[in-house]
Every structure is written in C-alpha cells, then in structure tokens.
Amino acid sequence: MSKRGTDFLYKWIPAYVPETVGADVISVAELTQKLFADAKSVGISSVEIEEDTGSVYEAILDAIVHHDAGLVG
C-alpha cells in the first residue's frame, strides 16, 4: 500500500476538482489524466495511487457528484 499515493490523491482533488465541473465522462477522464500527469511529475505512479485508493476515476467522479471535493477521503 502507498500512503504517499493516497495522500497525493486526497490533496489533489480539492485543489483541482472545481465544484462547477460537470460529471460527464470527458471532464472526469481529463481530470484523471491531469492527476496522473501531476503525480508522475513528482515521482508517484498511477499504480502507487490506485493500489490503495482504488479507481481514481471513481474518486474524482464521486467528488464532483457530491460537490464536496474538500471532504473526499
């Protein structure tokens, strides 16, 4: 398990998932790709994030749907 990957995800979501973004497939997919690119830039792989948190796509979608991006986790 990767606490570092989990911490990155839960800090990234409130910073980059605006409450006004739509919960459409393209928006969520674009945010997912941005998260993975940002993680890679600091040396965290997508596998490291998802091994403990599960699907990043689902975590972002959940944050959008519930409009509580700061409370995810």
PDB file of N, CA and C in Angstrom:
ATOM      1  N   MET A   1       0.837  -1.182   0.000  1.00  0.00           N
ATOM      2  CA  MET A   1       0.000   0.000   0.000  1.00  0.00           C
ATOM      3  C   MET A   1       0.883   1.246   0.000  1.00  0.00           C
ATOM      4  N   SER A   2       0.345   2.328  -0.532  1.00  0.00           N
ATOM      5  CA  SER A   2       1.117   3.546  -0.638  1.00  0.00           C
ATOM      6  C   SER A   2       0.401   4.714   0.015  1.00  0.00           C
ATOM      7  N   LYS A   3       0.838   5.059   1.190  1.00  0.00           N
ATOM      8  CA  LYS A   3       0.276   6.233   1.860  1.00  0.00           C
ATOM      9  C   LYS A   3       0.596   7.486   1.058  1.00  0.00           C
ATOM     10  N   ARG A   4       1.760   7.516   0.459  1.00  0.00           N
ATOM     11  CA  ARG A   4       2.164   8.661  -0.348  1.00  0.00           C
ATOM     12  C   ARG A   4       1.209   8.871  -1.513  1.00  0.00           C
ATOM     13  N   GLY A   5       0.828   7.791  -2.196  1.00  0.00           N
ATOM     14  CA  GLY A   5      -0.116   7.883  -3.303  1.00  0.00           C
ATOM     15  C   GLY A   5      -1.493   8.318  -2.846  1.00  0.00           C
ATOM     16  N   THR A   6      -1.954   7.766  -1.735  1.00  0.00           N
ATOM     17  CA  THR A   6      -3.257   8.124  -1.181  1.00  0.00           C
ATOM     18  C   THR A   6      -3.276   9.588  -0.757  1.00  0.00           C
ATOM     19  N   ASP A   7      -2.237  10.024  -0.072  1.00  0.00           N
ATOM     20  CA  ASP A   7      -2.155  11.418   0.355  1.00  0.00           C
ATOM     21  C   ASP A   7      -2.173  12.361  -0.841  1.00  0.00           C
ATOM     22  N   PHE A   8      -1.447  11.998  -1.894  1.00  0.00           N
ATOM     23  CA  PHE A   8      -1.414  12.830  -3.092  1.00  0.00           C
ATOM     24  C   PHE A   8      -2.818  12.984  -3.668  1.00  0.00           C
ATOM     25  N   LEU A   9      -3.541  11.880  -3.805  1.00  0.00           N
ATOM     26  CA  LEU A   9      -4.893  11.912  -4.366  1.00  0.00           C
ATOM     27  C   LEU A   9      -5.808  12.815  -3.553  1.00  0.00           C
ATOM     28  N   TYR A  10      -5.815  12.649  -2.242  1.00  0.00           N
ATOM     29  CA  TYR A  10      -6.748  13.391  -1.402  1.00  0.00           C
ATOM     30  C   TYR A  10      -6.365  14.853  -1.206  1.00  0.00           C
ATOM     31  N   LYS A  11      -5.142  15.219  -1.503  1.00  0.00           N
ATOM     32  CA  LYS A  11      -4.766  16.637  -1.517  1.00  0.00           C
ATOM     33  C   LYS A  11      -5.024  17.245  -2.891  1.00  0.00           C
ATOM     34  N   TRP A  12      -4.881  16.445  -3.945  1.00  0.00           N
ATOM     35  CA  TRP A  12      -5.041  16.923  -5.315  1.00  0.00           C
ATOM     36  C   TRP A  12      -6.505  17.221  -5.625  1.00  0.00           C
ATOM     37  N   ILE A  13      -7.408  16.356  -5.208  1.00  0.00           N
ATOM     38  CA  ILE A  13      -8.828  16.511  -5.554  1.00  0.00           C
ATOM     39  C   ILE A  13      -9.379  17.879  -5.148  1.00  0.00           C
ATOM     40  N   PRO A  14      -9.255  18.306  -3.900  1.00  0.00           N
ATOM     41  CA  PRO A  14      -9.839  19.617  -3.571  1.00  0.00           C
ATOM     42  C   PRO A  14      -9.157  20.786  -4.284  1.00  0.00           C
ATOM     43  N   ALA A  15      -7.915  20.604  -4.673  1.00  0.00           N
ATOM     44  CA  ALA A  15      -7.195  21.677  -5.360  1.00  0.00           C
ATOM     45  C   ALA A  15      -7.569  21.783  -6.838  1.00  0.00           C
ATOM     46  N   TYR A  16      -7.945  20.669  -7.460  1.00  0.00           N
ATOM     47  CA  TYR A  16      -8.132  20.660  -8.908  1.00  0.00           C
ATOM     48  C   TYR A  16      -9.516  20.256  -9.394  1.00  0.00           C
ATOM     49  N   VAL A  17     -10.399  19.865  -8.511  1.00  0.00           N
ATOM     50  CA  VAL A  17     -11.744  19.474  -8.931  1.00  0.00           C
ATOM     51  C   VAL A  17     -12.709  20.579  -8.497  1.00  0.00           C
ATOM     52  N   PRO A  18     -12.951  21.517  -9.393  1.00  0.00           N
ATOM     53  CA  PRO A  18     -13.866  22.604  -9.037  1.00  0.00           C
ATOM     54  C   PRO A  18     -15.300  22.097  -8.899  1.00  0.00           C
ATOM     55  N   GLU A  19     -16.041  22.715  -8.006  1.00  0.00           N
ATOM     56  CA  GLU A  19     -17.421  22.291  -7.772  1.00  0.00           C
ATOM     57  C   GLU A  19     -18.305  22.504  -8.993  1.00  0.00           C
ATOM     58  N   THR A  20     -17.904  23.373  -9.900  1.00  0.00           N
ATOM     59  CA  THR A  20     -18.739  23.681 -11.058  1.00  0.00           C
ATOM     60  C   THR A  20     -18.513  22.739 -12.233  1.00  0.00           C
ATOM     61  N   VAL A  21     -17.504  21.894 -12.167  1.00  0.00           N
ATOM     62  CA  VAL A  21     -17.238  20.980 -13.277  1.00  0.00           C
ATOM     63  C   VAL A  21     -18.375  19.971 -13.393  1.00  0.00           C
ATOM     64  N   GLY A  22     -18.687  19.582 -14.619  1.00  0.00           N
ATOM     65  CA  GLY A  22     -19.747  18.599 -14.832  1.00  0.00           C
ATOM     66  C   GLY A  22     -19.254  17.190 -14.599  1.00  0.00           C
ATOM     67  N   ALA A  23     -20.182  16.308 -14.314  1.00  0.00           N
ATOM     68  CA  ALA A  23     -19.840  14.910 -14.063  1.00  0.00           C
ATOM     69  C   ALA A  23     -19.948  14.107 -15.347  1.00  0.00           C
ATOM     70  N   ASP A  24     -19.534  14.714 -16.468  1.00  0.00           N
ATOM     71  CA  ASP A  24     -19.578  13.969 -17.722  1.00  0.00           C
ATOM     72  C   ASP A  24     -18.284  13.178 -17.907  1.00  0.00           C
ATOM     73  N   VAL A  25     -18.348  12.208 -18.763  1.00  0.00           N
ATOM     74  CA  VAL A  25     -17.227  11.287 -18.972  1.00  0.00           C
ATOM     75  C   VAL A  25     -15.951  12.020 -19.377  1.00  0.00           C
ATOM     76  N   ILE A  26     -16.065  13.000 -20.251  1.00  0.00           N
ATOM     77  CA  ILE A  26     -14.880  13.702 -20.737  1.00  0.00           C
ATOM     78  C   ILE A  26     -14.229  14.516 -19.623  1.00  0.00           C
ATOM     79  N   SER A  27     -15.009  15.247 -18.839  1.00  0.00           N
ATOM     80  CA  SER A  27     -14.448  16.037 -17.740  1.00  0.00           C
ATOM     81  C   SER A  27     -13.723  15.165 -16.732  1.00  0.00           C
ATOM     82  N   VAL A  28     -14.338  14.074 -16.356  1.00  0.00           N
ATOM     83  CA  VAL A  28     -13.733  13.175 -15.360  1.00  0.00           C
ATOM     84  C   VAL A  28     -12.480  12.527 -15.937  1.00  0.00           C
ATOM     85  N   ALA A  29     -12.531  12.110 -17.187  1.00  0.00           N
ATOM     86  CA  ALA A  29     -11.358  11.493 -17.820  1.00  0.00           C
ATOM     87  C   ALA A  29     -10.200  12.488 -17.924  1.00  0.00           C
ATOM     88  N   GLU A  30     -10.506  13.733 -18.271  1.00  0.00           N
ATOM     89  CA  GLU A  30      -9.460  14.751 -18.366  1.00  0.00           C
ATOM     90  C   GLU A  30      -8.839  15.029 -16.996  1.00  0.00           C
ATOM     91  N   LEU A  31      -9.659  15.117 -15.971  1.00  0.00           N
ATOM     92  CA  LEU A  31      -9.130  15.327 -14.617  1.00  0.00           C
ATOM     93  C   LEU A  31      -8.294  14.141 -14.160  1.00  0.00           C
ATOM     94  N   THR A  32      -8.723  12.944 -14.505  1.00  0.00           N
ATOM     95  CA  THR A  32      -7.960  11.741 -14.150  1.00  0.00           C
ATOM     96  C   THR A  32      -6.585  11.775 -14.806  1.00  0.00           C
ATOM     97  N   GLN A  33      -6.535  12.141 -16.086  1.00  0.00           N
ATOM     98  CA  GLN A  33      -5.252  12.220 -16.788  1.00  0.00           C
ATOM     99  C   GLN A  33      -4.371  13.314 -16.194  1.00  0.00           C
ATOM    100  N   LYS A  34      -4.966  14.441 -15.818  1.00  0.00           N
ATOM    101  CA  LYS A  34      -4.197  15.521 -15.199  1.00  0.00           C
ATOM    102  C   LYS A  34      -3.620  15.061 -13.861  1.00  0.00           C
ATOM    103  N   LEU A  35      -4.428  14.374 -13.066  1.00  0.00           N
ATOM    104  CA  LEU A  35      -3.930  13.880 -11.789  1.00  0.00           C
ATOM    105  C   LEU A  35      -2.732  12.964 -12.000  1.00  0.00           C
ATOM    106  N   PHE A  36      -2.841  12.023 -12.938  1.00  0.00           N
ATOM    107  CA  PHE A  36      -1.733  11.100 -13.182  1.00  0.00           C
ATOM    108  C   PHE A  36      -0.493  11.832 -13.687  1.00  0.00           C
ATOM    109  N   ALA A  37      -0.682  12.850 -14.525  1.00  0.00           N
ATOM    110  CA  ALA A  37       0.462  13.625 -15.020  1.00  0.00           C
ATOM    111  C   ALA A  37       1.125  14.402 -13.882  1.00  0.00           C
ATOM    112  N   ASP A  38       0.306  15.009 -13.030  1.00  0.00           N
ATOM    113  CA  ASP A  38       0.846  15.745 -11.890  1.00  0.00           C
ATOM    114  C   ASP A  38       1.572  14.810 -10.925  1.00  0.00           C
ATOM    115  N   ALA A  39       1.005  13.648 -10.692  1.00  0.00           N
ATOM    116  CA  ALA A  39       1.647  12.666  -9.810  1.00  0.00           C
ATOM    117  C   ALA A  39       2.985  12.211 -10.399  1.00  0.00           C
ATOM    118  N   LYS A  40       2.983  11.944 -11.692  1.00  0.00           N
ATOM    119  CA  LYS A  40       4.215  11.487 -12.353  1.00  0.00           C
ATOM    120  C   LYS A  40       5.310  12.542 -12.225  1.00  0.00           C
ATOM    121  N   SER A  41       4.929  13.815 -12.296  1.00  0.00           N
ATOM    122  CA  SER A  41       5.923  14.890 -12.220  1.00  0.00           C
ATOM    123  C   SER A  41       6.613  14.957 -10.857  1.00  0.00           C
ATOM    124  N   VAL A  42       5.985  14.379  -9.836  1.00  0.00           N
ATOM    125  CA  VAL A  42       6.612  14.338  -8.512  1.00  0.00           C
ATOM    126  C   VAL A  42       7.053  12.922  -8.136  1.00  0.00           C
ATOM    127  N   GLY A  43       7.062  12.027  -9.131  1.00  0.00           N
ATOM    128  CA  GLY A  43       7.600  10.692  -8.908  1.00  0.00           C
ATOM    129  C   GLY A  43       6.640   9.670  -8.335  1.00  0.00           C
ATOM    130  N   ILE A  44       5.333   9.902  -8.490  1.00  0.00           N
ATOM    131  CA  ILE A  44       4.333   8.961  -7.986  1.00  0.00           C
ATOM    132  C   ILE A  44       3.625   8.331  -9.184  1.00  0.00           C
ATOM    133  N   SER A  45       3.626   7.010  -9.253  1.00  0.00           N
ATOM    134  CA  SER A  45       2.994   6.321 -10.385  1.00  0.00           C
ATOM    135  C   SER A  45       1.495   6.148 -10.159  1.00  0.00           C
ATOM    136  N   SER A  46       0.779   5.936 -11.248  1.00  0.00           N
ATOM    137  CA  SER A  46      -0.662   5.695 -11.152  1.00  0.00           C
ATOM    138  C   SER A  46      -0.934   4.427 -10.349  1.00  0.00           C
ATOM    139  N   VAL A  47      -0.072   3.441 -10.487  1.00  0.00           N
ATOM    140  CA  VAL A  47      -0.223   2.192  -9.738  1.00  0.00           C
ATOM    141  C   VAL A  47      -0.106   2.469  -8.241  1.00  0.00           C
ATOM    142  N   GLU A  48       0.839   3.321  -7.878  1.00  0.00           N
ATOM    143  CA  GLU A  48       1.041   3.648  -6.467  1.00  0.00           C
ATOM    144  C   GLU A  48      -0.201   4.324  -5.885  1.00  0.00           C
ATOM    145  N   ILE A  49      -0.865   5.153  -6.664  1.00  0.00           N
ATOM    146  CA  ILE A  49      -2.076   5.818  -6.190  1.00  0.00           C
ATOM    147  C   ILE A  49      -3.229   4.832  -6.094  1.00  0.00           C
ATOM    148  N   GLU A  50      -3.443   4.060  -7.147  1.00  0.00           N
ATOM    149  CA  GLU A  50      -4.626   3.200  -7.207  1.00  0.00           C
ATOM    150  C   GLU A  50      -4.517   1.923  -6.383  1.00  0.00           C
ATOM    151  N   GLU A  51      -3.318   1.499  -5.990  1.00  0.00           N
ATOM    152  CA  GLU A  51      -3.208   0.259  -5.235  1.00  0.00           C
ATOM    153  C   GLU A  51      -3.884   0.365  -3.877  1.00  0.00           C
ATOM    154  N   ASP A  52      -3.967   1.560  -3.323  1.00  0.00           N
ATOM    155  CA  ASP A  52      -4.587   1.733  -2.014  1.00  0.00           C
ATOM    156  C   ASP A  52      -5.950   2.407  -2.095  1.00  0.00           C
ATOM    157  N   THR A  53      -6.145   3.251  -3.100  1.00  0.00           N
ATOM    158  CA  THR A  53      -7.378   4.029  -3.171  1.00  0.00           C
ATOM    159  C   THR A  53      -8.420   3.447  -4.109  1.00  0.00           C
ATOM    160  N   GLY A  54      -8.017   2.550  -4.979  1.00  0.00           N
ATOM    161  CA  GLY A  54      -8.941   2.046  -5.989  1.00  0.00           C
ATOM    162  C   GLY A  54      -8.952   2.975  -7.187  1.00  0.00           C
ATOM    163  N   SER A  55     -10.050   3.041  -7.846  1.00  0.00           N
ATOM    164  CA  SER A  55     -10.166   3.812  -9.077  1.00  0.00           C
ATOM    165  C   SER A  55     -10.118   5.319  -8.824  1.00  0.00           C
ATOM    166  N   VAL A  56      -9.136   5.971  -9.417  1.00  0.00           N
ATOM    167  CA  VAL A  56      -9.035   7.420  -9.331  1.00  0.00           C
ATOM    168  C   VAL A  56     -10.219   8.061 -10.059  1.00  0.00           C
ATOM    169  N   TYR A  57     -10.598   7.490 -11.183  1.00  0.00           N
ATOM    170  CA  TYR A  57     -11.748   7.985 -11.949  1.00  0.00           C
ATOM    171  C   TYR A  57     -12.981   8.035 -11.046  1.00  0.00           C
ATOM    172  N   GLU A  58     -13.233   6.961 -10.318  1.00  0.00           N
ATOM    173  CA  GLU A  58     -14.400   6.916  -9.426  1.00  0.00           C
ATOM    174  C   GLU A  58     -14.279   7.914  -8.281  1.00  0.00           C
ATOM    175  N   ALA A  59     -13.085   8.115  -7.752  1.00  0.00           N
ATOM    176  CA  ALA A  59     -12.890   9.081  -6.666  1.00  0.00           C
ATOM    177  C   ALA A  59     -13.184  10.500  -7.145  1.00  0.00           C
ATOM    178  N   ILE A  60     -12.722  10.829  -8.347  1.00  0.00           N
ATOM    179  CA  ILE A  60     -12.982  12.155  -8.907  1.00  0.00           C
ATOM    180  C   ILE A  60     -14.461  12.316  -9.214  1.00  0.00           C
ATOM    181  N   LEU A  61     -15.066  11.316  -9.816  1.00  0.00           N
ATOM    182  CA  LEU A  61     -16.495  11.366 -10.116  1.00  0.00           C
ATOM    183  C   LEU A  61     -17.298  11.553  -8.835  1.00  0.00           C
ATOM    184  N   ASP A  62     -16.948  10.838  -7.799  1.00  0.00           N
ATOM    185  CA  ASP A  62     -17.642  10.959  -6.515  1.00  0.00           C
ATOM    186  C   ASP A  62     -17.518  12.378  -5.960  1.00  0.00           C
ATOM    187  N   ALA A  63     -16.328  12.965  -6.068  1.00  0.00           N
ATOM    188  CA  ALA A  63     -16.116  14.331  -5.586  1.00  0.00           C
ATOM    189  C   ALA A  63     -16.982  15.319  -6.355  1.00  0.00           C
ATOM    190  N   ILE A  64     -17.120  15.108  -7.655  1.00  0.00           N
ATOM    191  CA  ILE A  64     -17.938  16.001  -8.477  1.00  0.00           C
ATOM    192  C   ILE A  64     -19.415  15.831  -8.141  1.00  0.00           C
ATOM    193  N   VAL A  65     -19.852  14.614  -8.097  1.00  0.00           N
ATOM    194  CA  VAL A  65     -21.271  14.340  -7.863  1.00  0.00           C
ATOM    195  C   VAL A  65     -21.720  14.862  -6.501  1.00  0.00           C
ATOM    196  N   HIS A  66     -20.893  14.706  -5.510  1.00  0.00           N
ATOM    197  CA  HIS A  66     -21.273  15.126  -4.160  1.00  0.00           C
ATOM    198  C   HIS A  66     -20.912  16.573  -3.851  1.00  0.00           C
ATOM    199  N   HIS A  67     -20.245  17.250  -4.772  1.00  0.00           N
ATOM    200  CA  HIS A  67     -19.889  18.656  -4.609  1.00  0.00           C
ATOM    201  C   HIS A  67     -19.159  18.921  -3.292  1.00  0.00           C
ATOM    202  N   ASP A  68     -18.448  17.916  -2.823  1.00  0.00           N
ATOM    203  CA  ASP A  68     -17.691  18.048  -1.578  1.00  0.00           C
ATOM    204  C   ASP A  68     -16.248  17.645  -1.817  1.00  0.00           C
ATOM    205  N   ALA A  69     -15.614  18.244  -2.837  1.00  0.00           N
ATOM    206  CA  ALA A  69     -14.254  17.842  -3.186  1.00  0.00           C
ATOM    207  C   ALA A  69     -13.305  17.946  -1.998  1.00  0.00           C
ATOM    208  N   GLY A  70     -13.522  18.872  -1.113  1.00  0.00           N
ATOM    209  CA  GLY A  70     -12.645  19.016   0.046  1.00  0.00           C
ATOM    210  C   GLY A  70     -12.889  17.967   1.121  1.00  0.00           C
ATOM    211  N   LEU A  71     -13.961  17.217   1.012  1.00  0.00           N
ATOM    212  CA  LEU A  71     -14.292  16.236   2.044  1.00  0.00           C
ATOM    213  C   LEU A  71     -14.079  14.804   1.592  1.00  0.00           C
ATOM    214  N   VAL A  72     -13.532  14.598   0.407  1.00  0.00           N
ATOM    215  CA  VAL A  72     -13.296  13.243  -0.081  1.00  0.00           C
ATOM    216  C   VAL A  72     -12.236  12.593   0.785  1.00  0.00           C
ATOM    217  N   GLY A  73     -12.447  11.324   1.104  1.00  0.00           N
ATOM    218  CA  GLY A  73     -11.423  10.604   1.844  1.00  0.00           C
ATOM    219  C   GLY A  73     -11.913  10.246   3.143  1.00  0.00           C
TER     220      GLY A  73
END
